[in-house]
């Protein structure tokens, strides 16, 4: 992979990440780590590589989502989707898409084994394109500098960097879960207060 990126440069980086988003078995994290390592060795320019990585990821995810809006049932029958989408997971994800589409997409972006299937299901479930693109783009805007930066800083220990990336992704997932939980709690408290004010809110 390093030789391929070193020879064909940013076009190869973009193509690999866009293809990974479409389900081609190219490890997205390893690609980003490799880009960081090559940037450290001055084969790539980090200032150019970062936006190329981000655009490649978002383009691949968006194409998958748009294809799923038209051919979602076919995508959900492919091996990468069937491997992770049990009936219970489909029902759970569809409930989350209906209630909290934005945060479900953010969480799925950092869950490598479920990402392809979840994004395909998002297209089938009627998630608005703007919601998907904004959630995916903002989520990648956080993760790309972290993963590429890990490859840049720990270029001589890529396996260790990859473990570190997993820890960071888990931390992001926990933060997202906590944020959603707090938002739901605040909403519930406000709803109860509003309900409590209704009986006495108008003079008899």
Foldseek 3Di string as FASTA:
>chain_A
DLVVCLVPPLVVLLVLQLVVLQPDPDDLLLSLLSLLLCCLVVSHPPVVNLVSSLVSNLNSLLVLLVVLLPVLVVQCPDPLNVVPDDVVNLVVLLVCCVPPVLLSLLLLLLVVSCNSNSSSSNSVSPRDSVSNSVSSSVSCVVLSCQSSVLSNVPVVCSVVSVVVSNVVSVVVNVVSVVVVVVVVVVVVVVVVVVVVCVVVVDDD
